[in-house]
Amino acid sequence: MIELRQELVALHAELVRYNLVAWTAGNVSARVPGEDLFAIKPSGVSYDDLTAESMVVCDLDGNLVEGDLAPSSDTAAHAYVYRAMPEVGGVVHTHSTYATAWAARAEPIPCVLTAMADEFGGEIPVGPFALIGNDDIGKGIVATLSGHRSPAVLMRNHGVFTIGKDARAAVKAAVMCEDVARTVHVARAGGPLVPIAPGDIDALYDRYQNVYGQR
């Protein structure tokens, strides 16, 4: 458990490093392997003050089971995702600028970059508006991403949620989501976007997921 908490501290530092968060907003959680538990950032604590000991552990209903601090205000959303998607090992939430601007327009990010086809397998979809504090956000995340290749969803008027096989994969998806959101925004300012053919998206996605990198 201490190793998982330490990893979460390091992954929260990655959100800061890639300029995905401001002040205390945003969070990373990780499923505890083999248990119906997950660890998550405590609410309202500065990223500079995060320690392995300050990370809190909740059950899959979002109840605090370990730790002295109140868990993130997004805990119910994370918990719902873990309950509904057993394959998910990590969840990330940010309000990163460019991706959240697309969410403010309730507009999916179209797949016009090979990097998007690689990582997301198509467009980055928009999820419904939902208030914070219960599992409505989680329900919107699951409903939008179920059957979708994208590990990222733009929750309308709110921000980005990403999922992954572990917390590191979810952080990578959040980093890449902001990167392509910025690039596509800049591209559209210069003229019409040129879509990638669906068959080419499929081929790019398959190569990146199954061939790219070290095996």
N, C-alpha and C. Protein backbone atom coordinates (compact mmCIF):
# COMPACT_ATOMS: atom_id res chain seq x y z
N MET A 1 0.82 -1.22 0.00
CA MET A 1 0.00 0.00 0.00
C MET A 1 0.86 1.27 0.00
N ILE A 2 2.00 1.24 0.73
CA ILE A 2 2.84 2.44 0.78
C ILE A 2 3.40 2.75 -0.60
N GLU A 3 3.71 1.70 -1.39
CA GLU A 3 4.23 1.94 -2.73
C GLU A 3 3.17 2.60 -3.61
N LEU A 4 1.92 2.18 -3.47
CA LEU A 4 0.84 2.78 -4.25
C LEU A 4 0.64 4.24 -3.87
N ARG A 5 0.70 4.53 -2.59
CA ARG A 5 0.56 5.92 -2.12
C ARG A 5 1.69 6.78 -2.66
N GLN A 6 2.91 6.24 -2.64
CA GLN A 6 4.06 6.98 -3.15
C GLN A 6 3.92 7.25 -4.65
N GLU A 7 3.43 6.25 -5.37
CA GLU A 7 3.22 6.43 -6.80
C GLU A 7 2.20 7.53 -7.06
N LEU A 8 1.15 7.60 -6.25
CA LEU A 8 0.14 8.64 -6.43
C LEU A 8 0.72 10.03 -6.21
N VAL A 9 1.59 10.17 -5.23
CA VAL A 9 2.25 11.47 -5.02
C VAL A 9 3.02 11.87 -6.27
N ALA A 10 3.78 10.93 -6.82
CA ALA A 10 4.57 11.21 -8.02
C ALA A 10 3.68 11.53 -9.21
N LEU A 11 2.56 10.85 -9.35
CA LEU A 11 1.67 11.09 -10.48
C LEU A 11 0.96 12.43 -10.36
N HIS A 12 0.62 12.85 -9.14
CA HIS A 12 0.05 14.20 -8.98
C HIS A 12 1.08 15.27 -9.39
N ALA A 13 2.35 15.00 -9.12
CA ALA A 13 3.39 15.94 -9.55
C ALA A 13 3.45 16.03 -11.07
N GLU A 14 3.12 14.95 -11.77
CA GLU A 14 3.08 14.98 -13.23
C GLU A 14 1.97 15.91 -13.73
N LEU A 15 0.84 15.96 -13.03
CA LEU A 15 -0.23 16.89 -13.43
C LEU A 15 0.27 18.33 -13.37
N VAL A 16 1.03 18.63 -12.34
CA VAL A 16 1.60 19.99 -12.20
C VAL A 16 2.64 20.23 -13.30
N ARG A 17 3.49 19.25 -13.51
CA ARG A 17 4.57 19.37 -14.49
C ARG A 17 4.05 19.65 -15.89
N TYR A 18 2.93 19.04 -16.25
CA TYR A 18 2.36 19.22 -17.58
C TYR A 18 1.28 20.31 -17.63
N ASN A 19 1.20 21.12 -16.57
CA ASN A 19 0.29 22.27 -16.51
C ASN A 19 -1.18 21.87 -16.74
N LEU A 20 -1.58 20.76 -16.13
CA LEU A 20 -2.95 20.28 -16.28
C LEU A 20 -3.85 20.73 -15.13
N VAL A 21 -3.27 21.30 -14.07
CA VAL A 21 -4.06 21.66 -12.89
C VAL A 21 -3.66 23.04 -12.39
N ALA A 22 -4.59 23.66 -11.64
CA ALA A 22 -4.33 24.94 -10.99
C ALA A 22 -4.72 24.83 -9.51
N TRP A 23 -3.87 25.41 -8.67
CA TRP A 23 -4.12 25.44 -7.22
C TRP A 23 -4.30 24.02 -6.69
N THR A 24 -5.46 23.67 -6.12
CA THR A 24 -5.64 22.31 -5.58
C THR A 24 -6.62 21.49 -6.42
N ALA A 25 -7.06 22.01 -7.56
CA ALA A 25 -8.02 21.29 -8.40
C ALA A 25 -7.35 20.10 -9.06
N GLY A 26 -8.14 19.07 -9.35
CA GLY A 26 -7.65 17.89 -10.04
C GLY A 26 -7.23 16.80 -9.08
N ASN A 27 -7.24 15.56 -9.55
CA ASN A 27 -6.92 14.45 -8.69
C ASN A 27 -6.61 13.20 -9.50
N VAL A 28 -5.86 12.31 -8.86
CA VAL A 28 -5.55 11.00 -9.41
C VAL A 28 -5.96 9.96 -8.37
N SER A 29 -6.54 8.86 -8.81
CA SER A 29 -6.82 7.75 -7.91
C SER A 29 -6.30 6.46 -8.52
N ALA A 30 -6.10 5.47 -7.67
CA ALA A 30 -5.60 4.17 -8.12
C ALA A 30 -6.31 3.06 -7.36
N ARG A 31 -6.77 2.06 -8.10
CA ARG A 31 -7.37 0.89 -7.47
C ARG A 31 -6.29 0.12 -6.69
N VAL A 32 -6.64 -0.35 -5.51
CA VAL A 32 -5.74 -1.20 -4.73
C VAL A 32 -5.84 -2.61 -5.29
N PRO A 33 -4.76 -3.16 -5.85
CA PRO A 33 -4.84 -4.48 -6.48
C PRO A 33 -5.37 -5.55 -5.53
N GLY A 34 -6.34 -6.31 -6.04
CA GLY A 34 -6.86 -7.43 -5.28
C GLY A 34 -7.84 -7.09 -4.19
N GLU A 35 -8.18 -5.80 -4.05
CA GLU A 35 -9.10 -5.39 -2.99
C GLU A 35 -10.15 -4.44 -3.56
N ASP A 36 -11.29 -4.36 -2.91
CA ASP A 36 -12.35 -3.43 -3.32
C ASP A 36 -12.12 -2.07 -2.68
N LEU A 37 -10.96 -1.50 -2.97
CA LEU A 37 -10.51 -0.24 -2.39
C LEU A 37 -9.80 0.57 -3.46
N PHE A 38 -9.73 1.89 -3.25
CA PHE A 38 -8.88 2.73 -4.08
C PHE A 38 -8.31 3.86 -3.25
N ALA A 39 -7.15 4.34 -3.65
CA ALA A 39 -6.49 5.47 -2.98
C ALA A 39 -6.68 6.71 -3.84
N ILE A 40 -6.83 7.86 -3.17
CA ILE A 40 -7.12 9.10 -3.88
C ILE A 40 -6.57 10.30 -3.11
N LYS A 41 -6.39 11.39 -3.81
CA LYS A 41 -5.92 12.64 -3.21
C LYS A 41 -6.92 13.17 -2.18
N PRO A 42 -6.44 13.70 -1.06
CA PRO A 42 -7.35 14.35 -0.11
C PRO A 42 -7.83 15.69 -0.65
N SER A 43 -9.00 16.09 -0.24
CA SER A 43 -9.64 17.31 -0.74
C SER A 43 -8.89 18.57 -0.31
N GLY A 44 -8.65 19.47 -1.28
CA GLY A 44 -8.16 20.81 -0.98
C GLY A 44 -6.74 20.90 -0.47
N VAL A 45 -5.95 19.86 -0.63
CA VAL A 45 -4.57 19.86 -0.17
C VAL A 45 -3.66 20.25 -1.33
N SER A 46 -2.74 21.17 -1.07
CA SER A 46 -1.81 21.63 -2.10
C SER A 46 -0.98 20.48 -2.63
N TYR A 47 -0.68 20.53 -3.91
CA TYR A 47 0.17 19.49 -4.51
C TYR A 47 1.54 19.45 -3.85
N ASP A 48 2.04 20.60 -3.44
CA ASP A 48 3.35 20.64 -2.78
C ASP A 48 3.33 19.96 -1.42
N ASP A 49 2.16 19.85 -0.83
CA ASP A 49 2.06 19.27 0.52
C ASP A 49 1.65 17.81 0.51
N LEU A 50 1.45 17.22 -0.65
CA LEU A 50 1.04 15.82 -0.71
C LEU A 50 2.19 14.90 -0.28
N THR A 51 1.84 13.93 0.54
CA THR A 51 2.79 12.90 0.95
C THR A 51 2.09 11.54 0.84
N ALA A 52 2.87 10.49 0.90
CA ALA A 52 2.27 9.16 0.87
C ALA A 52 1.28 8.98 2.01
N GLU A 53 1.62 9.55 3.17
CA GLU A 53 0.76 9.41 4.34
C GLU A 53 -0.53 10.20 4.21
N SER A 54 -0.53 11.26 3.41
CA SER A 54 -1.74 12.09 3.28
C SER A 54 -2.76 11.51 2.31
N MET A 55 -2.34 10.57 1.46
CA MET A 55 -3.28 9.93 0.56
C MET A 55 -4.30 9.12 1.36
N VAL A 56 -5.54 9.14 0.93
CA VAL A 56 -6.59 8.44 1.67
C VAL A 56 -7.08 7.24 0.87
N VAL A 57 -7.64 6.29 1.58
CA VAL A 57 -8.14 5.06 0.96
C VAL A 57 -9.64 4.96 1.20
N CYS A 58 -10.38 4.64 0.15
CA CYS A 58 -11.84 4.53 0.22
C CYS A 58 -12.28 3.16 -0.30
N ASP A 59 -13.48 2.76 0.11
CA ASP A 59 -14.06 1.56 -0.48
C ASP A 59 -14.76 1.95 -1.78
N LEU A 60 -15.33 0.98 -2.48
CA LEU A 60 -15.90 1.26 -3.79
C LEU A 60 -17.26 1.96 -3.72
N ASP A 61 -17.71 2.25 -2.51
CA ASP A 61 -18.87 3.12 -2.34
C ASP A 61 -18.45 4.55 -2.01
N GLY A 62 -17.13 4.77 -1.97
CA GLY A 62 -16.61 6.09 -1.68
C GLY A 62 -16.46 6.41 -0.21
N ASN A 63 -16.62 5.43 0.65
CA ASN A 63 -16.48 5.66 2.09
C ASN A 63 -15.02 5.62 2.51
N LEU A 64 -14.62 6.56 3.34
CA LEU A 64 -13.24 6.61 3.83
C LEU A 64 -12.97 5.41 4.74
N VAL A 65 -11.92 4.67 4.45
CA VAL A 65 -11.57 3.53 5.29
C VAL A 65 -10.17 3.65 5.88
N GLU A 66 -9.37 4.56 5.33
CA GLU A 66 -8.02 4.73 5.86
C GLU A 66 -7.53 6.14 5.54
N GLY A 67 -7.04 6.83 6.56
CA GLY A 67 -6.53 8.18 6.38
C GLY A 67 -7.18 9.16 7.34
N ASP A 68 -6.50 10.28 7.56
CA ASP A 68 -6.97 11.28 8.51
C ASP A 68 -7.63 12.48 7.85
N LEU A 69 -7.59 12.56 6.53
CA LEU A 69 -8.11 13.71 5.81
C LEU A 69 -9.35 13.33 5.01
N ALA A 70 -10.16 14.33 4.68
CA ALA A 70 -11.34 14.08 3.86
C ALA A 70 -10.91 13.80 2.42
N PRO A 71 -11.51 12.82 1.79
CA PRO A 71 -11.13 12.51 0.40
C PRO A 71 -11.61 13.58 -0.57
N SER A 72 -11.08 13.53 -1.78
CA SER A 72 -11.43 14.47 -2.85
C SER A 72 -12.94 14.60 -3.01
N SER A 73 -13.37 15.79 -3.41
CA SER A 73 -14.80 16.01 -3.68
C SER A 73 -15.29 15.21 -4.88
N ASP A 74 -14.36 14.67 -5.67
CA ASP A 74 -14.72 13.84 -6.82
C ASP A 74 -14.72 12.34 -6.49
N THR A 75 -14.60 12.00 -5.22
CA THR A 75 -14.47 10.60 -4.83
C THR A 75 -15.64 9.75 -5.30
N ALA A 76 -16.86 10.26 -5.19
CA ALA A 76 -18.03 9.47 -5.60
C ALA A 76 -17.97 9.12 -7.08
N ALA A 77 -17.46 10.05 -7.91
CA ALA A 77 -17.33 9.77 -9.34
C ALA A 77 -16.31 8.67 -9.59
N HIS A 78 -15.15 8.77 -8.93
CA HIS A 78 -14.13 7.74 -9.07
C HIS A 78 -14.67 6.38 -8.63
N ALA A 79 -15.36 6.37 -7.49
CA ALA A 79 -15.89 5.12 -6.95
C ALA A 79 -16.85 4.46 -7.93
N TYR A 80 -17.71 5.26 -8.54
CA TYR A 80 -18.68 4.70 -9.50
C TYR A 80 -17.95 4.05 -10.68
N VAL A 81 -16.92 4.73 -11.17
CA VAL A 81 -16.16 4.17 -12.30
C VAL A 81 -15.56 2.83 -11.90
N TYR A 82 -14.96 2.75 -10.72
CA TYR A 82 -14.34 1.49 -10.30
C TYR A 82 -15.39 0.39 -10.12
N ARG A 83 -16.58 0.74 -9.63
CA ARG A 83 -17.63 -0.26 -9.46
C ARG A 83 -18.12 -0.78 -10.82
N ALA A 84 -18.26 0.14 -11.76
CA ALA A 84 -18.88 -0.21 -13.04
C ALA A 84 -17.90 -0.76 -14.06
N MET A 85 -16.61 -0.45 -13.91
CA MET A 85 -15.61 -0.83 -14.91
C MET A 85 -14.45 -1.54 -14.20
N PRO A 86 -14.60 -2.82 -13.94
CA PRO A 86 -13.57 -3.54 -13.19
C PRO A 86 -12.21 -3.58 -13.87
N GLU A 87 -12.17 -3.32 -15.18
CA GLU A 87 -10.90 -3.31 -15.89
C GLU A 87 -10.09 -2.04 -15.64
N VAL A 88 -10.72 -1.02 -15.05
CA VAL A 88 -10.06 0.26 -14.81
C VAL A 88 -9.26 0.20 -13.51
N GLY A 89 -7.99 0.59 -13.59
CA GLY A 89 -7.14 0.61 -12.41
C GLY A 89 -6.74 2.00 -11.97
N GLY A 90 -7.07 3.03 -12.78
CA GLY A 90 -6.73 4.39 -12.41
C GLY A 90 -7.68 5.38 -13.05
N VAL A 91 -7.96 6.47 -12.33
CA VAL A 91 -8.85 7.53 -12.82
C VAL A 91 -8.19 8.87 -12.53
N VAL A 92 -8.29 9.79 -13.48
CA VAL A 92 -7.71 11.13 -13.34
C VAL A 92 -8.76 12.17 -13.69
N HIS A 93 -8.73 13.28 -12.97
CA HIS A 93 -9.60 14.42 -13.29
C HIS A 93 -8.77 15.69 -13.33
N THR A 94 -8.93 16.46 -14.41
CA THR A 94 -8.28 17.77 -14.51
C THR A 94 -9.26 18.78 -15.11
N HIS A 95 -8.87 20.05 -14.99
CA HIS A 95 -9.56 21.13 -15.69
C HIS A 95 -8.58 21.76 -16.68
N SER A 96 -7.79 20.94 -17.35
CA SER A 96 -6.76 21.47 -18.24
C SER A 96 -7.39 22.39 -19.29
N THR A 97 -6.69 23.47 -19.61
CA THR A 97 -7.29 24.63 -20.29
C THR A 97 -7.94 24.30 -21.62
N TYR A 98 -7.20 23.75 -22.55
CA TYR A 98 -7.73 23.58 -23.91
C TYR A 98 -8.81 22.49 -23.95
N ALA A 99 -8.57 21.38 -23.28
CA ALA A 99 -9.58 20.32 -23.28
C ALA A 99 -10.86 20.79 -22.61
N THR A 100 -10.73 21.55 -21.52
CA THR A 100 -11.92 22.04 -20.83
C THR A 100 -12.65 23.08 -21.66
N ALA A 101 -11.92 23.80 -22.51
CA ALA A 101 -12.59 24.75 -23.42
C ALA A 101 -13.51 24.00 -24.39
N TRP A 102 -13.07 22.83 -24.86
CA TRP A 102 -13.96 22.01 -25.70
C TRP A 102 -15.16 21.55 -24.89
N ALA A 103 -14.94 21.19 -23.63
CA ALA A 103 -16.04 20.76 -22.76
C ALA A 103 -17.03 21.89 -22.52
N ALA A 104 -16.53 23.12 -22.45
CA ALA A 104 -17.41 24.27 -22.24
C ALA A 104 -18.32 24.52 -23.44
N ARG A 105 -17.88 24.08 -24.61
CA ARG A 105 -18.71 24.17 -25.81
C ARG A 105 -19.52 22.90 -26.05
N ALA A 106 -19.35 21.92 -25.17
CA ALA A 106 -19.99 20.60 -25.35
C ALA A 106 -19.67 20.03 -26.72
N GLU A 107 -18.40 20.16 -27.11
CA GLU A 107 -17.98 19.77 -28.45
C GLU A 107 -16.91 18.68 -28.38
N PRO A 108 -17.15 17.53 -28.97
CA PRO A 108 -16.11 16.50 -29.02
C PRO A 108 -14.90 17.00 -29.80
N ILE A 109 -13.73 16.48 -29.48
CA ILE A 109 -12.53 16.82 -30.23
C ILE A 109 -12.43 15.84 -31.39
N PRO A 110 -12.54 16.31 -32.63
CA PRO A 110 -12.54 15.38 -33.78
C PRO A 110 -11.18 14.76 -34.00
N CYS A 111 -11.18 13.56 -34.55
CA CYS A 111 -9.94 12.83 -34.77
C CYS A 111 -9.31 13.29 -36.08
N VAL A 112 -8.44 14.28 -35.98
CA VAL A 112 -7.78 14.84 -37.16
C VAL A 112 -6.25 14.75 -37.06
N LEU A 113 -5.76 14.02 -36.07
CA LEU A 113 -4.33 13.85 -35.86
C LEU A 113 -4.02 12.37 -35.70
N THR A 114 -2.89 11.93 -36.25
CA THR A 114 -2.51 10.53 -36.06
C THR A 114 -2.31 10.22 -34.58
N ALA A 115 -1.82 11.19 -33.81
CA ALA A 115 -1.63 10.97 -32.37
C ALA A 115 -2.95 10.70 -31.67
N MET A 116 -4.04 11.31 -32.16
CA MET A 116 -5.36 11.04 -31.59
C MET A 116 -5.82 9.64 -31.96
N ALA A 117 -5.61 9.24 -33.20
CA ALA A 117 -5.97 7.88 -33.61
C ALA A 117 -5.21 6.86 -32.79
N ASP A 118 -3.92 7.13 -32.56
CA ASP A 118 -3.08 6.22 -31.77
C ASP A 118 -3.64 6.03 -30.36
N GLU A 119 -3.82 7.13 -29.68
CA GLU A 119 -4.11 7.10 -28.24
C GLU A 119 -5.60 6.91 -27.94
N PHE A 120 -6.46 7.52 -28.76
CA PHE A 120 -7.89 7.57 -28.43
C PHE A 120 -8.76 6.75 -29.37
N GLY A 121 -8.21 6.33 -30.50
CA GLY A 121 -8.96 5.49 -31.42
C GLY A 121 -10.15 6.18 -32.05
N GLY A 122 -10.12 7.50 -32.11
CA GLY A 122 -11.23 8.27 -32.66
C GLY A 122 -11.36 9.60 -31.94
N GLU A 123 -12.53 10.19 -32.01
CA GLU A 123 -12.76 11.47 -31.34
C GLU A 123 -12.71 11.29 -29.82
N ILE A 124 -12.51 12.41 -29.13
CA ILE A 124 -12.64 12.42 -27.67
C ILE A 124 -14.05 12.91 -27.37
N PRO A 125 -14.90 12.06 -26.77
CA PRO A 125 -16.32 12.38 -26.66
C PRO A 125 -16.64 13.33 -25.51
N VAL A 126 -17.85 13.87 -25.57
CA VAL A 126 -18.37 14.74 -24.52
C VAL A 126 -19.39 13.97 -23.69
N GLY A 127 -19.26 14.07 -22.38
CA GLY A 127 -20.22 13.48 -21.47
C GLY A 127 -21.21 14.52 -20.98
N PRO A 128 -22.27 14.10 -20.30
CA PRO A 128 -23.34 15.02 -19.88
C PRO A 128 -22.93 15.94 -18.74
N PHE A 129 -23.68 17.01 -18.59
CA PHE A 129 -23.49 17.88 -17.43
C PHE A 129 -23.98 17.16 -16.19
N ALA A 130 -23.23 17.29 -15.09
CA ALA A 130 -23.63 16.68 -13.82
C ALA A 130 -23.02 17.48 -12.68
N LEU A 131 -23.76 17.58 -11.59
CA LEU A 131 -23.27 18.30 -10.43
C LEU A 131 -22.30 17.44 -9.64
N ILE A 132 -21.37 18.11 -8.94
CA ILE A 132 -20.36 17.44 -8.13
C ILE A 132 -20.98 17.04 -6.79
N GLY A 133 -20.52 15.91 -6.25
CA GLY A 133 -20.90 15.55 -4.89
C GLY A 133 -21.56 14.20 -4.76
N ASN A 134 -22.15 13.70 -5.85
CA ASN A 134 -22.69 12.34 -5.82
C ASN A 134 -22.10 11.58 -7.00
N ASP A 135 -22.71 10.45 -7.35
CA ASP A 135 -22.09 9.65 -8.42
C ASP A 135 -22.64 9.95 -9.81
N ASP A 136 -23.35 11.08 -9.98
CA ASP A 136 -23.88 11.43 -11.30
C ASP A 136 -22.75 11.62 -12.33
N ILE A 137 -21.65 12.22 -11.89
CA ILE A 137 -20.52 12.39 -12.81
C ILE A 137 -19.98 11.03 -13.22
N GLY A 138 -19.84 10.14 -12.26
CA GLY A 138 -19.37 8.79 -12.56
C GLY A 138 -20.28 8.08 -13.54
N LYS A 139 -21.58 8.24 -13.36
CA LYS A 139 -22.53 7.62 -14.29
C LYS A 139 -22.34 8.16 -15.70
N GLY A 140 -22.12 9.47 -15.80
CA GLY A 140 -21.90 10.07 -17.12
C GLY A 140 -20.61 9.61 -17.77
N ILE A 141 -19.55 9.45 -16.96
CA ILE A 141 -18.28 8.95 -17.49
C ILE A 141 -18.46 7.55 -18.05
N VAL A 142 -19.07 6.68 -17.25
CA VAL A 142 -19.22 5.28 -17.66
C VAL A 142 -20.13 5.16 -18.89
N ALA A 143 -21.24 5.90 -18.88
CA ALA A 143 -22.16 5.82 -20.01
C ALA A 143 -21.50 6.29 -21.30
N THR A 144 -20.64 7.30 -21.21
CA THR A 144 -20.01 7.86 -22.41
C THR A 144 -18.88 6.97 -22.90
N LEU A 145 -18.07 6.43 -21.99
CA LEU A 145 -16.89 5.68 -22.40
C LEU A 145 -17.17 4.20 -22.65
N SER A 146 -18.27 3.68 -22.17
CA SER A 146 -18.59 2.27 -22.41
C SER A 146 -18.76 2.03 -23.91
N GLY A 147 -18.00 1.10 -24.44
CA GLY A 147 -18.05 0.82 -25.87
C GLY A 147 -17.27 1.80 -26.72
N HIS A 148 -16.55 2.72 -26.09
CA HIS A 148 -15.77 3.73 -26.80
C HIS A 148 -14.29 3.43 -26.58
N ARG A 149 -13.46 3.63 -27.60
CA ARG A 149 -12.03 3.36 -27.44
C ARG A 149 -11.31 4.45 -26.68
N SER A 150 -11.88 5.64 -26.60
CA SER A 150 -11.21 6.74 -25.92
C SER A 150 -11.11 6.48 -24.41
N PRO A 151 -9.93 6.71 -23.82
CA PRO A 151 -9.82 6.66 -22.37
C PRO A 151 -10.11 8.01 -21.71
N ALA A 152 -10.53 8.99 -22.51
CA ALA A 152 -10.81 10.34 -22.01
C ALA A 152 -12.21 10.76 -22.38
N VAL A 153 -12.84 11.50 -21.48
CA VAL A 153 -14.15 12.09 -21.75
C VAL A 153 -14.13 13.53 -21.28
N LEU A 154 -14.76 14.40 -22.06
CA LEU A 154 -14.90 15.80 -21.70
C LEU A 154 -16.28 15.97 -21.06
N MET A 155 -16.32 16.11 -19.75
CA MET A 155 -17.61 16.28 -19.08
C MET A 155 -18.06 17.73 -19.26
N ARG A 156 -19.25 17.88 -19.83
CA ARG A 156 -19.75 19.19 -20.26
C ARG A 156 -19.71 20.22 -19.15
N ASN A 157 -19.16 21.40 -19.47
CA ASN A 157 -19.05 22.52 -18.53
C ASN A 157 -18.20 22.22 -17.30
N HIS A 158 -17.40 21.17 -17.36
CA HIS A 158 -16.66 20.77 -16.16
C HIS A 158 -15.18 20.57 -16.45
N GLY A 159 -14.86 19.48 -17.14
CA GLY A 159 -13.45 19.21 -17.38
C GLY A 159 -13.23 17.80 -17.88
N VAL A 160 -12.01 17.32 -17.70
CA VAL A 160 -11.57 16.06 -18.27
C VAL A 160 -11.54 14.97 -17.21
N PHE A 161 -12.04 13.79 -17.57
CA PHE A 161 -11.82 12.58 -16.78
C PHE A 161 -11.18 11.55 -17.71
N THR A 162 -10.17 10.86 -17.20
CA THR A 162 -9.52 9.82 -17.97
C THR A 162 -9.42 8.55 -17.14
N ILE A 163 -9.38 7.41 -17.85
CA ILE A 163 -9.26 6.12 -17.19
C ILE A 163 -8.07 5.38 -17.79
N GLY A 164 -7.60 4.35 -17.08
CA GLY A 164 -6.51 3.54 -17.60
C GLY A 164 -6.41 2.23 -16.85
N LYS A 165 -5.59 1.33 -17.37
CA LYS A 165 -5.39 0.04 -16.70
C LYS A 165 -4.73 0.24 -15.35
N ASP A 166 -4.04 1.36 -15.18
CA ASP A 166 -3.49 1.75 -13.89
C ASP A 166 -3.46 3.28 -13.87
N ALA A 167 -3.05 3.84 -12.74
CA ALA A 167 -3.09 5.29 -12.59
C ALA A 167 -2.14 5.99 -13.56
N ARG A 168 -0.99 5.39 -13.80
CA ARG A 168 -0.04 6.00 -14.74
C ARG A 168 -0.63 6.11 -16.14
N ALA A 169 -1.32 5.07 -16.59
CA ALA A 169 -1.96 5.11 -17.91
C ALA A 169 -3.03 6.19 -17.97
N ALA A 170 -3.76 6.38 -16.89
CA ALA A 170 -4.79 7.41 -16.86
C ALA A 170 -4.16 8.81 -16.90
N VAL A 171 -3.02 8.98 -16.23
CA VAL A 171 -2.33 10.27 -16.29
C VAL A 171 -1.81 10.53 -17.69
N LYS A 172 -1.26 9.51 -18.34
CA LYS A 172 -0.80 9.68 -19.72
C LYS A 172 -1.95 10.13 -20.61
N ALA A 173 -3.13 9.51 -20.44
CA ALA A 173 -4.28 9.90 -21.25
C ALA A 173 -4.66 11.36 -21.01
N ALA A 174 -4.55 11.82 -19.78
CA ALA A 174 -4.87 13.22 -19.47
C ALA A 174 -3.87 14.17 -20.12
N VAL A 175 -2.59 13.78 -20.10
CA VAL A 175 -1.56 14.60 -20.75
C VAL A 175 -1.81 14.67 -22.25
N MET A 176 -2.07 13.52 -22.87
CA MET A 176 -2.29 13.49 -24.31
C MET A 176 -3.58 14.19 -24.71
N CYS A 177 -4.60 14.10 -23.87
CA CYS A 177 -5.87 14.77 -24.17
C CYS A 177 -5.65 16.28 -24.27
N GLU A 178 -4.94 16.85 -23.33
CA GLU A 178 -4.69 18.29 -23.38
C GLU A 178 -3.82 18.65 -24.58
N ASP A 179 -2.84 17.82 -24.89
CA ASP A 179 -1.95 18.11 -26.01
C ASP A 179 -2.72 18.17 -27.32
N VAL A 180 -3.57 17.18 -27.58
CA VAL A 180 -4.30 17.19 -28.85
C VAL A 180 -5.40 18.24 -28.85
N ALA A 181 -5.99 18.52 -27.68
CA ALA A 181 -7.01 19.57 -27.61
C ALA A 181 -6.42 20.92 -28.02
N ARG A 182 -5.20 21.18 -27.58
CA ARG A 182 -4.53 22.44 -27.94
C ARG A 182 -4.20 22.48 -29.42
N THR A 183 -3.65 21.39 -29.95
CA THR A 183 -3.26 21.36 -31.35
C THR A 183 -4.46 21.50 -32.28
N VAL A 184 -5.54 20.79 -31.98
CA VAL A 184 -6.73 20.87 -32.85
C VAL A 184 -7.36 22.25 -32.76
N HIS A 185 -7.32 22.87 -31.58
CA HIS A 185 -7.82 24.24 -31.45
C HIS A 185 -7.03 25.20 -32.35
N VAL A 186 -5.71 25.09 -32.30
CA VAL A 186 -4.86 25.95 -33.12
C VAL A 186 -5.10 25.68 -34.60
N ALA A 187 -5.22 24.40 -34.95
CA ALA A 187 -5.45 24.04 -36.36
C ALA A 187 -6.75 24.63 -36.87
N ARG A 188 -7.81 24.55 -36.09
CA ARG A 188 -9.11 25.04 -36.54
C ARG A 188 -9.11 26.56 -36.69
N ALA A 189 -8.29 27.24 -35.88
CA ALA A 189 -8.19 28.69 -36.02
C ALA A 189 -7.59 29.08 -37.37
N GLY A 190 -6.82 28.17 -37.96
CA GLY A 190 -6.18 28.48 -39.24
C GLY A 190 -6.98 28.05 -40.45
N GLY A 191 -8.05 27.31 -40.25
CA GLY A 191 -8.84 26.86 -41.39
C GLY A 191 -9.58 25.58 -41.08
N PRO A 192 -10.28 25.03 -42.06
CA PRO A 192 -11.06 23.80 -41.84
C PRO A 192 -10.16 22.62 -41.46
N LEU A 193 -10.69 21.78 -40.60
CA LEU A 193 -9.97 20.57 -40.20
C LEU A 193 -10.14 19.48 -41.26
N VAL A 194 -9.12 18.67 -41.42
CA VAL A 194 -9.15 17.57 -42.38
C VAL A 194 -9.26 16.25 -41.61
N PRO A 195 -10.39 15.56 -41.71
CA PRO A 195 -10.56 14.32 -40.94
C PRO A 195 -9.69 13.18 -41.46
N ILE A 196 -9.43 12.20 -40.61
CA ILE A 196 -8.74 10.98 -41.00
C ILE A 196 -9.80 9.92 -41.29
N ALA A 197 -9.63 9.17 -42.34
CA ALA A 197 -10.59 8.14 -42.72
C ALA A 197 -10.71 7.09 -41.62
N PRO A 198 -11.92 6.60 -41.37
CA PRO A 198 -12.12 5.61 -40.30
C PRO A 198 -11.21 4.40 -40.40
N GLY A 199 -11.00 3.88 -41.61
CA GLY A 199 -10.12 2.73 -41.76
C GLY A 199 -8.69 3.03 -41.36
N ASP A 200 -8.24 4.24 -41.66
CA ASP A 200 -6.89 4.64 -41.26
C ASP A 200 -6.80 4.84 -39.75
N ILE A 201 -7.86 5.36 -39.14
CA ILE A 201 -7.89 5.48 -37.68
C ILE A 201 -7.75 4.10 -37.04
N ASP A 202 -8.49 3.12 -37.57
CA ASP A 202 -8.42 1.76 -37.03
C ASP A 202 -7.01 1.19 -37.15
N ALA A 203 -6.38 1.42 -38.29
CA ALA A 203 -5.03 0.88 -38.51
C ALA A 203 -4.02 1.54 -37.59
N LEU A 204 -4.13 2.85 -37.43
CA LEU A 204 -3.22 3.57 -36.55
C LEU A 204 -3.40 3.12 -35.10
N TYR A 205 -4.64 2.99 -34.67
CA TYR A 205 -4.93 2.57 -33.30
C TYR A 205 -4.38 1.18 -33.03
N ASP A 206 -4.60 0.26 -33.96
CA ASP A 206 -4.11 -1.10 -33.79
C ASP A 206 -2.59 -1.14 -33.70
N ARG A 207 -1.92 -0.40 -34.56
CA ARG A 207 -0.45 -0.38 -34.54
C ARG A 207 0.07 0.17 -33.22
N TYR A 208 -0.51 1.27 -32.77
CA TYR A 208 -0.01 1.92 -31.55
C TYR A 208 -0.27 1.05 -30.32
N GLN A 209 -1.45 0.43 -30.27
CA GLN A 209 -1.81 -0.36 -29.09
C GLN A 209 -1.09 -1.71 -29.06
N ASN A 210 -0.74 -2.26 -30.22
CA ASN A 210 -0.26 -3.64 -30.26
C ASN A 210 1.17 -3.82 -30.79
N VAL A 211 1.74 -2.78 -31.38
CA VAL A 211 3.07 -2.90 -31.99
C VAL A 211 4.06 -1.89 -31.42
N TYR A 212 3.61 -0.65 -31.26
CA TYR A 212 4.49 0.45 -30.84
C TYR A 212 5.14 0.17 -29.48
N GLY A 213 6.38 0.62 -29.32
CA GLY A 213 7.06 0.53 -28.04
C GLY A 213 7.73 -0.81 -27.82
N GLN A 214 8.21 -1.02 -26.60
CA GLN A 214 8.91 -2.25 -26.25
C GLN A 214 7.91 -3.30 -25.78
N ARG A 215 8.06 -4.50 -26.28
CA ARG A 215 7.14 -5.60 -25.92
C ARG A 215 7.87 -6.67 -25.13
